[in-house]
Amino acid sequence: MSRQSLQEQMYGVKGASRAQRMVLAASLACCAAVAWWLLFAGGVAVTGAWFGRQWIAGNFARRACIAVALSIYFVRVLFTEFVFLRRGVSWSEVFTIAPWAFCIYVLMALAGGTNRAPLGVVGVDGIALFVLGSWMNTYAEYQRHVWKQCPDHRGKLFTLGLFRMARHPNYLGDLISFSGLCLMSGRWFSAAIPALMLCGFVFVNVPVLDAHLREHYGAEFDEYARRTRKLIPFIY
C-alpha cells in the first residue's frame, strides 16, 4: 500500500467514528481478558497443552507486574481513542490495531507468565522504564490536547512541552514502555515487540504523519522539522 493511501486511511476519515472506536475498545478488552486468563486462570498450562508442552505458571510478582502493565496500556489506549484523538478512525485501522494488540498481549503474557525466575534488578528496571514511557506518551498527548482546546490555537501546530524534544514523543513513550515490559517479562524473544514497533514507527507511522502535518501546516511544520528530531532526541 502506498504512503498516500495510508495517509488517506489514517487522516482522511471524517466524523466521530463511534462504531470504529467501540469495536476497537471491545477488541482491546478481549485482549486484556486473554492476558489475565493466561497469567492467573491457568491459561498458560492450557495453551502449553495445545502445543504439546508442559508450561507452568511463573513467578507471581512478575505475572502481577505484567498484568498491571498490560491493564494500564489498555486504559491508556482507551483514553487516547475517546479523549485525545481528534481525527476519525477507519475500519482498516481498527482491523490493523486489534490483531497487533492481540499479539502484544499474548506474547508478553506467555513470556512473563512462564518465567519462574524472581523479578530481580532487571525486572525492576523494566518497571521504571514502563512507568516512564507510559507517562511520556500520555503526558505528551495531554499537553497537546489542552493546548488545542484554546480557540486561538485552532489551525496551529503544537510544538511545546515534550514536543520540543522530538516531533513524536508519544511514539517514543511507547517504545520506552514496551522495552520496559520486555525487561519485566525476562524473556529475550519478547524484544520482538519493541523491535517491530520501532520499525513500524520509522518506516510507516512517522513518515505518514509527517507527510500529513506538512500538507496541513506547510512552512510552519517545515521550520519545526528543521530544528526537531523525529523520534529520538539528538539522534533521529
C-alpha atoms as a PDB file:
ATOM      1  CA  MET A   1       0.000   0.000   0.000  1.00  0.00           C
ATOM      2  CA  SER A   2       1.363   3.434  -0.930  1.00  0.00           C
ATOM      3  CA  ARG A   3       2.174   6.096   1.649  1.00  0.00           C
ATOM      4  CA  GLN A   4      -0.506   8.322   0.135  1.00  0.00           C
ATOM      5  CA  SER A   5      -3.141   5.610   0.617  1.00  0.00           C
ATOM      6  CA  LEU A   6      -2.089   5.105   4.209  1.00  0.00           C
ATOM      7  CA  GLN A   7      -2.263   8.825   4.807  1.00  0.00           C
ATOM      8  CA  GLU A   8      -5.795   8.966   3.422  1.00  0.00           C
ATOM      9  CA  GLN A   9      -6.893   5.997   5.543  1.00  0.00           C
ATOM     10  CA  MET A  10      -5.419   7.369   8.760  1.00  0.00           C
ATOM     11  CA  TYR A  11      -6.113  11.083   8.394  1.00  0.00           C
ATOM     12  CA  GLY A  12      -8.824  11.380   5.763  1.00  0.00           C
ATOM     13  CA  VAL A  13     -11.689   9.915   7.803  1.00  0.00           C
ATOM     14  CA  LYS A  14     -14.390  12.406   8.755  1.00  0.00           C
ATOM     15  CA  GLY A  15     -16.906  12.130  11.566  1.00  0.00           C
ATOM     16  CA  ALA A  16     -16.819  10.790  15.107  1.00  0.00           C
ATOM     17  CA  SER A  17     -16.163   7.140  14.107  1.00  0.00           C
ATOM     18  CA  ARG A  18     -18.097   5.933  17.160  1.00  0.00           C
ATOM     19  CA  ALA A  19     -18.640   2.421  15.833  1.00  0.00           C
ATOM     20  CA  GLN A  20     -14.969   2.010  14.972  1.00  0.00           C
ATOM     21  CA  ARG A  21     -13.886   3.234  18.383  1.00  0.00           C
ATOM     22  CA  MET A  22     -16.313   0.937  20.177  1.00  0.00           C
ATOM     23  CA  VAL A  23     -15.189  -2.113  18.190  1.00  0.00           C
ATOM     24  CA  LEU A  24     -11.566  -1.277  18.901  1.00  0.00           C
ATOM     25  CA  ALA A  25     -12.308  -0.827  22.609  1.00  0.00           C
ATOM     26  CA  ALA A  26     -14.122  -4.195  22.725  1.00  0.00           C
ATOM     27  CA  SER A  27     -11.215  -5.873  20.898  1.00  0.00           C
ATOM     28  CA  LEU A  28      -8.688  -4.477  23.353  1.00  0.00           C
ATOM     29  CA  ALA A  29     -10.857  -5.553  26.282  1.00  0.00           C
ATOM     30  CA  CYS A  30     -10.802  -9.101  24.893  1.00  0.00           C
ATOM     31  CA  CYS A  31      -7.018  -8.913  24.583  1.00  0.00           C
ATOM     32  CA  ALA A  32      -6.713  -7.813  28.213  1.00  0.00           C
ATOM     33  CA  ALA A  33      -9.057 -10.621  29.317  1.00  0.00           C
ATOM     34  CA  VAL A  34      -6.966 -13.201  27.450  1.00  0.00           C
ATOM     35  CA  ALA A  35      -3.797 -11.881  29.097  1.00  0.00           C
ATOM     36  CA  TRP A  36      -5.318 -12.161  32.575  1.00  0.00           C
ATOM     37  CA  TRP A  37      -6.536 -15.679  31.754  1.00  0.00           C
ATOM     38  CA  LEU A  38      -3.046 -16.673  30.693  1.00  0.00           C
ATOM     39  CA  LEU A  39      -1.422 -15.127  33.743  1.00  0.00           C
ATOM     40  CA  PHE A  40      -3.811 -16.081  36.538  1.00  0.00           C
ATOM     41  CA  ALA A  41      -6.503 -18.523  35.395  1.00  0.00           C
ATOM     42  CA  GLY A  42      -4.470 -21.477  34.180  1.00  0.00           C
ATOM     43  CA  GLY A  43      -4.262 -20.217  30.607  1.00  0.00           C
ATOM     44  CA  VAL A  44      -0.523 -20.833  30.406  1.00  0.00           C
ATOM     45  CA  ALA A  45      -0.920 -24.545  31.161  1.00  0.00           C
ATOM     46  CA  VAL A  46      -3.847 -24.896  28.745  1.00  0.00           C
ATOM     47  CA  THR A  47      -2.004 -23.102  25.969  1.00  0.00           C
ATOM     48  CA  GLY A  48       1.085 -25.210  26.542  1.00  0.00           C
ATOM     49  CA  ALA A  49      -1.013 -28.374  26.223  1.00  0.00           C
ATOM     50  CA  TRP A  50      -2.286 -27.172  22.847  1.00  0.00           C
ATOM     51  CA  PHE A  51       1.320 -27.246  21.629  1.00  0.00           C
ATOM     52  CA  GLY A  52       2.286 -30.423  23.441  1.00  0.00           C
ATOM     53  CA  ARG A  53       4.212 -28.540  26.121  1.00  0.00           C
ATOM     54  CA  GLN A  54       4.029 -28.544  29.896  1.00  0.00           C
ATOM     55  CA  TRP A  55       4.086 -24.858  30.741  1.00  0.00           C
ATOM     56  CA  ILE A  56       3.966 -23.920  34.408  1.00  0.00           C
ATOM     57  CA  ALA A  57       2.890 -20.547  35.775  1.00  0.00           C
ATOM     58  CA  GLY A  58       5.900 -18.360  36.508  1.00  0.00           C
ATOM     59  CA  ASN A  59       6.902 -16.091  39.375  1.00  0.00           C
ATOM     60  CA  PHE A  60       3.817 -14.455  40.901  1.00  0.00           C
ATOM     61  CA  ALA A  61       5.348 -10.975  41.280  1.00  0.00           C
ATOM     62  CA  ARG A  62       6.450 -10.999  37.639  1.00  0.00           C
ATOM     63  CA  ARG A  63       2.999 -12.113  36.477  1.00  0.00           C
ATOM     64  CA  ALA A  64       1.308  -9.475  38.621  1.00  0.00           C
ATOM     65  CA  CYS A  65       3.521  -6.686  37.269  1.00  0.00           C
ATOM     66  CA  ILE A  66       2.885  -7.714  33.667  1.00  0.00           C
ATOM     67  CA  ALA A  67      -0.865  -7.951  34.258  1.00  0.00           C
ATOM     68  CA  VAL A  68      -0.947  -4.472  35.776  1.00  0.00           C
ATOM     69  CA  ALA A  69       1.223  -3.054  32.989  1.00  0.00           C
ATOM     70  CA  LEU A  70      -0.951  -4.524  30.241  1.00  0.00           C
ATOM     71  CA  SER A  71      -4.055  -3.201  32.007  1.00  0.00           C
ATOM     72  CA  ILE A  72      -2.517   0.269  32.210  1.00  0.00           C
ATOM     73  CA  TYR A  73      -1.781   0.101  28.497  1.00  0.00           C
ATOM     74  CA  PHE A  74      -5.416  -0.850  27.846  1.00  0.00           C
ATOM     75  CA  VAL A  75      -6.657   2.186  29.794  1.00  0.00           C
ATOM     76  CA  ARG A  76      -4.156   4.469  28.055  1.00  0.00           C
ATOM     77  CA  VAL A  77      -5.279   3.386  24.603  1.00  0.00           C
ATOM     78  CA  LEU A  78      -8.932   3.848  25.518  1.00  0.00           C
ATOM     79  CA  PHE A  79      -8.252   7.324  26.862  1.00  0.00           C
ATOM     80  CA  THR A  80      -6.367   8.227  23.700  1.00  0.00           C
ATOM     81  CA  GLU A  81      -9.101   6.886  21.423  1.00  0.00           C
ATOM     82  CA  PHE A  82     -12.019   8.537  23.213  1.00  0.00           C
ATOM     83  CA  VAL A  83     -10.477  11.734  24.617  1.00  0.00           C
ATOM     84  CA  PHE A  84      -7.254  12.783  22.911  1.00  0.00           C
ATOM     85  CA  LEU A  85      -7.728  11.573  19.327  1.00  0.00           C
ATOM     86  CA  ARG A  86      -9.487  14.282  17.328  1.00  0.00           C
ATOM     87  CA  ARG A  87      -9.375  12.665  13.895  1.00  0.00           C
ATOM     88  CA  GLY A  88     -11.640   9.922  12.616  1.00  0.00           C
ATOM     89  CA  VAL A  89     -10.725   6.246  12.824  1.00  0.00           C
ATOM     90  CA  SER A  90     -11.060   3.996   9.777  1.00  0.00           C
ATOM     91  CA  TRP A  91     -12.141   0.348   9.843  1.00  0.00           C
ATOM     92  CA  SER A  92      -8.836  -0.664   8.262  1.00  0.00           C
ATOM     93  CA  GLU A  93      -7.037   0.986  11.168  1.00  0.00           C
ATOM     94  CA  VAL A  94      -9.219  -0.893  13.664  1.00  0.00           C
ATOM     95  CA  PHE A  95      -8.516  -4.231  11.980  1.00  0.00           C
ATOM     96  CA  THR A  96      -4.800  -3.467  11.960  1.00  0.00           C
ATOM     97  CA  ILE A  97      -4.512  -2.349  15.579  1.00  0.00           C
ATOM     98  CA  ALA A  98      -6.663  -5.148  17.053  1.00  0.00           C
ATOM     99  CA  PRO A  99      -4.536  -8.115  15.788  1.00  0.00           C
ATOM    100  CA  TRP A 100      -1.335  -6.259  16.680  1.00  0.00           C
ATOM    101  CA  ALA A 101      -2.633  -5.659  20.207  1.00  0.00           C
ATOM    102  CA  PHE A 102      -3.601  -9.334  20.487  1.00  0.00           C
ATOM    103  CA  CYS A 103      -0.055 -10.370  19.564  1.00  0.00           C
ATOM    104  CA  ILE A 104       1.377  -7.960  22.152  1.00  0.00           C
ATOM    105  CA  TYR A 105      -0.864  -9.167  24.961  1.00  0.00           C
ATOM    106  CA  VAL A 106      -0.437 -12.867  24.240  1.00  0.00           C
ATOM    107  CA  LEU A 107       3.323 -12.755  23.683  1.00  0.00           C
ATOM    108  CA  MET A 108       4.038 -10.669  26.772  1.00  0.00           C
ATOM    109  CA  ALA A 109       1.687 -12.753  28.925  1.00  0.00           C
ATOM    110  CA  LEU A 110       3.267 -16.021  27.765  1.00  0.00           C
ATOM    111  CA  ALA A 111       6.808 -14.659  28.034  1.00  0.00           C
ATOM    112  CA  GLY A 112       6.448 -13.397  31.574  1.00  0.00           C
ATOM    113  CA  GLY A 113       3.796 -15.859  32.629  1.00  0.00           C
ATOM    114  CA  THR A 114       6.112 -18.847  32.175  1.00  0.00           C
ATOM    115  CA  ASN A 115       9.231 -17.268  33.681  1.00  0.00           C
ATOM    116  CA  ARG A 116       9.756 -18.699  37.168  1.00  0.00           C
ATOM    117  CA  ALA A 117      12.814 -16.578  37.949  1.00  0.00           C
ATOM    118  CA  PRO A 118      12.414 -13.764  40.507  1.00  0.00           C
ATOM    119  CA  LEU A 119      11.791 -10.295  39.100  1.00  0.00           C
ATOM    120  CA  GLY A 120      15.269  -9.093  40.112  1.00  0.00           C
ATOM    121  CA  VAL A 121      17.036  -5.842  39.269  1.00  0.00           C
ATOM    122  CA  VAL A 122      16.365  -6.117  35.533  1.00  0.00           C
ATOM    123  CA  GLY A 123      12.672  -6.566  36.170  1.00  0.00           C
ATOM    124  CA  VAL A 124      12.587  -3.543  38.475  1.00  0.00           C
ATOM    125  CA  ASP A 125      14.399  -1.530  35.820  1.00  0.00           C
ATOM    126  CA  GLY A 126      11.726  -2.685  33.391  1.00  0.00           C
ATOM    127  CA  ILE A 127       9.004  -1.384  35.712  1.00  0.00           C
ATOM    128  CA  ALA A 128      10.739   2.004  35.859  1.00  0.00           C
ATOM    129  CA  LEU A 129      11.005   2.153  32.057  1.00  0.00           C
ATOM    130  CA  PHE A 130       7.362   1.173  31.654  1.00  0.00           C
ATOM    131  CA  VAL A 131       6.243   3.915  34.037  1.00  0.00           C
ATOM    132  CA  LEU A 132       8.473   6.484  32.314  1.00  0.00           C
ATOM    133  CA  GLY A 133       7.289   5.550  28.827  1.00  0.00           C
ATOM    134  CA  SER A 134       3.627   5.455  29.832  1.00  0.00           C
ATOM    135  CA  TRP A 135       3.933   8.877  31.438  1.00  0.00           C
ATOM    136  CA  MET A 136       5.726  10.275  28.387  1.00  0.00           C
ATOM    137  CA  ASN A 137       3.101   9.016  25.939  1.00  0.00           C
ATOM    138  CA  THR A 138       0.106  10.146  27.978  1.00  0.00           C
ATOM    139  CA  TYR A 139       1.543  13.467  29.118  1.00  0.00           C
ATOM    140  CA  ALA A 140       2.552  14.407  25.572  1.00  0.00           C
ATOM    141  CA  GLU A 141      -0.985  13.690  24.361  1.00  0.00           C
ATOM    142  CA  TYR A 142      -2.446  15.585  27.325  1.00  0.00           C
ATOM    143  CA  GLN A 143      -0.280  18.662  26.707  1.00  0.00           C
ATOM    144  CA  ARG A 144      -1.334  18.819  23.068  1.00  0.00           C
ATOM    145  CA  HIS A 145      -4.984  18.172  23.943  1.00  0.00           C
ATOM    146  CA  VAL A 146      -5.129  21.041  26.470  1.00  0.00           C
ATOM    147  CA  TRP A 147      -3.337  23.436  24.107  1.00  0.00           C
ATOM    148  CA  LYS A 148      -5.715  22.602  21.243  1.00  0.00           C
ATOM    149  CA  GLN A 149      -8.739  23.488  23.393  1.00  0.00           C
ATOM    150  CA  CYS A 150      -7.892  27.176  23.145  1.00  0.00           C
ATOM    151  CA  PRO A 151      -9.772  28.804  20.203  1.00  0.00           C
ATOM    152  CA  ASP A 152      -6.723  30.984  19.459  1.00  0.00           C
ATOM    153  CA  HIS A 153      -4.688  27.850  18.682  1.00  0.00           C
ATOM    154  CA  ARG A 154      -7.073  26.497  16.055  1.00  0.00           C
ATOM    155  CA  GLY A 155      -5.204  25.615  12.864  1.00  0.00           C
ATOM    156  CA  LYS A 156      -1.802  25.956  14.540  1.00  0.00           C
ATOM    157  CA  LEU A 157       0.886  23.319  15.104  1.00  0.00           C
ATOM    158  CA  PHE A 158       1.679  22.343  18.695  1.00  0.00           C
ATOM    159  CA  THR A 159       5.447  22.413  19.283  1.00  0.00           C
ATOM    160  CA  LEU A 160       5.691  22.970  23.047  1.00  0.00           C
ATOM    161  CA  GLY A 161       6.170  20.715  26.070  1.00  0.00           C
ATOM    162  CA  LEU A 162       7.550  17.287  25.261  1.00  0.00           C
ATOM    163  CA  PHE A 163       7.136  18.082  21.571  1.00  0.00           C
ATOM    164  CA  ARG A 164      10.168  20.368  21.890  1.00  0.00           C
ATOM    165  CA  MET A 165      12.441  17.347  22.315  1.00  0.00           C
ATOM    166  CA  ALA A 166      11.052  15.279  19.409  1.00  0.00           C
ATOM    167  CA  ARG A 167       8.267  15.508  16.844  1.00  0.00           C
ATOM    168  CA  HIS A 168       6.682  12.294  18.111  1.00  0.00           C
ATOM    169  CA  PRO A 169       7.314  11.946  21.877  1.00  0.00           C
ATOM    170  CA  ASN A 170       4.173   9.823  22.208  1.00  0.00           C
ATOM    171  CA  TYR A 171       5.711   7.195  19.919  1.00  0.00           C
ATOM    172  CA  LEU A 172       8.966   7.380  21.863  1.00  0.00           C
ATOM    173  CA  GLY A 173       6.985   6.819  25.052  1.00  0.00           C
ATOM    174  CA  ASP A 174       5.504   3.633  23.628  1.00  0.00           C
ATOM    175  CA  LEU A 175       8.955   2.369  22.646  1.00  0.00           C
ATOM    176  CA  ILE A 176      10.289   3.001  26.141  1.00  0.00           C
ATOM    177  CA  SER A 177       7.284   1.468  27.898  1.00  0.00           C
ATOM    178  CA  PHE A 178       7.333  -1.714  25.810  1.00  0.00           C
ATOM    179  CA  SER A 179      11.082  -2.043  26.197  1.00  0.00           C
ATOM    180  CA  GLY A 180      10.403  -1.935  29.924  1.00  0.00           C
ATOM    181  CA  LEU A 181       7.681  -4.556  29.578  1.00  0.00           C
ATOM    182  CA  CYS A 182      10.160  -6.738  27.698  1.00  0.00           C
ATOM    183  CA  LEU A 183      12.591  -6.493  30.633  1.00  0.00           C
ATOM    184  CA  MET A 184       9.762  -7.273  33.042  1.00  0.00           C
ATOM    185  CA  SER A 185       8.976 -10.482  31.150  1.00  0.00           C
ATOM    186  CA  GLY A 186      12.601 -11.603  31.401  1.00  0.00           C
ATOM    187  CA  ARG A 187      12.484 -13.379  28.024  1.00  0.00           C
ATOM    188  CA  TRP A 188      14.670 -12.306  25.118  1.00  0.00           C
ATOM    189  CA  PHE A 189      12.114 -13.176  22.423  1.00  0.00           C
ATOM    190  CA  SER A 190       9.690 -10.566  23.811  1.00  0.00           C
ATOM    191  CA  ALA A 191      12.106  -7.970  22.400  1.00  0.00           C
ATOM    192  CA  ALA A 192      10.395  -8.667  19.073  1.00  0.00           C
ATOM    193  CA  ILE A 193       7.559  -6.352  20.174  1.00  0.00           C
ATOM    194  CA  PRO A 194       9.560  -3.121  20.697  1.00  0.00           C
ATOM    195  CA  ALA A 195      11.743  -4.015  17.682  1.00  0.00           C
ATOM    196  CA  LEU A 196       8.724  -4.353  15.382  1.00  0.00           C
ATOM    197  CA  MET A 197       7.206  -1.253  16.947  1.00  0.00           C
ATOM    198  CA  LEU A 198      10.362   0.720  16.154  1.00  0.00           C
ATOM    199  CA  CYS A 199      10.293  -0.475  12.534  1.00  0.00           C
ATOM    200  CA  GLY A 200       6.629   0.482  12.257  1.00  0.00           C
ATOM    201  CA  PHE A 201       7.299   3.963  13.597  1.00  0.00           C
ATOM    202  CA  VAL A 202      10.376   4.562  11.432  1.00  0.00           C
ATOM    203  CA  PHE A 203       9.028   3.196   8.154  1.00  0.00           C
ATOM    204  CA  VAL A 204       5.267   3.810   8.432  1.00  0.00           C
ATOM    205  CA  ASN A 205       3.822   5.962  11.219  1.00  0.00           C
ATOM    206  CA  VAL A 206       6.386   8.771  11.307  1.00  0.00           C
ATOM    207  CA  PRO A 207       6.661   9.255   7.512  1.00  0.00           C
ATOM    208  CA  VAL A 208       2.873   9.120   7.064  1.00  0.00           C
ATOM    209  CA  LEU A 209       2.166  11.517   9.921  1.00  0.00           C
ATOM    210  CA  ASP A 210       4.951  13.895   8.874  1.00  0.00           C
ATOM    211  CA  ALA A 211       3.533  13.980   5.344  1.00  0.00           C
ATOM    212  CA  HIS A 212       0.097  14.801   6.748  1.00  0.00           C
ATOM    213  CA  LEU A 213       1.480  17.544   9.012  1.00  0.00           C
ATOM    214  CA  ARG A 214       3.496  19.042   6.174  1.00  0.00           C
ATOM    215  CA  GLU A 215       0.406  19.077   3.977  1.00  0.00           C
ATOM    216  CA  HIS A 216      -1.717  20.594   6.737  1.00  0.00           C
ATOM    217  CA  TYR A 217       0.682  23.148   8.268  1.00  0.00           C
ATOM    218  CA  GLY A 218       3.098  23.865   5.403  1.00  0.00           C
ATOM    219  CA  ALA A 219       6.033  26.156   6.232  1.00  0.00           C
ATOM    220  CA  GLU A 220       5.221  26.055   9.950  1.00  0.00           C
ATOM    221  CA  PHE A 221       5.858  22.302  10.021  1.00  0.00           C
ATOM    222  CA  ASP A 222       8.958  22.579   7.805  1.00  0.00           C
ATOM    223  CA  GLU A 223      10.524  25.001  10.286  1.00  0.00           C
ATOM    224  CA  TYR A 224       9.582  22.757  13.206  1.00  0.00           C
ATOM    225  CA  ALA A 225      11.002  19.694  11.416  1.00  0.00           C
ATOM    226  CA  ARG A 226      14.220  21.558  10.650  1.00  0.00           C
ATOM    227  CA  ARG A 227      15.024  22.105  14.323  1.00  0.00           C
ATOM    228  CA  THR A 228      13.492  18.966  15.890  1.00  0.00           C
ATOM    229  CA  ARG A 229      14.398  15.293  15.606  1.00  0.00           C
ATOM    230  CA  LYS A 230      11.708  12.850  14.505  1.00  0.00           C
ATOM    231  CA  LEU A 231      11.659  10.311  17.306  1.00  0.00           C
ATOM    232  CA  ILE A 232      14.760  10.164  19.498  1.00  0.00           C
ATOM    233  CA  PRO A 233      16.182  13.499  20.756  1.00  0.00           C
ATOM    234  CA  PHE A 234      19.605  14.397  19.318  1.00  0.00           C
ATOM    235  CA  ILE A 235      19.757  11.103  17.375  1.00  0.00           C
ATOM    236  CA  TYR A 236      16.890  10.515  14.934  1.00  0.00           C
END
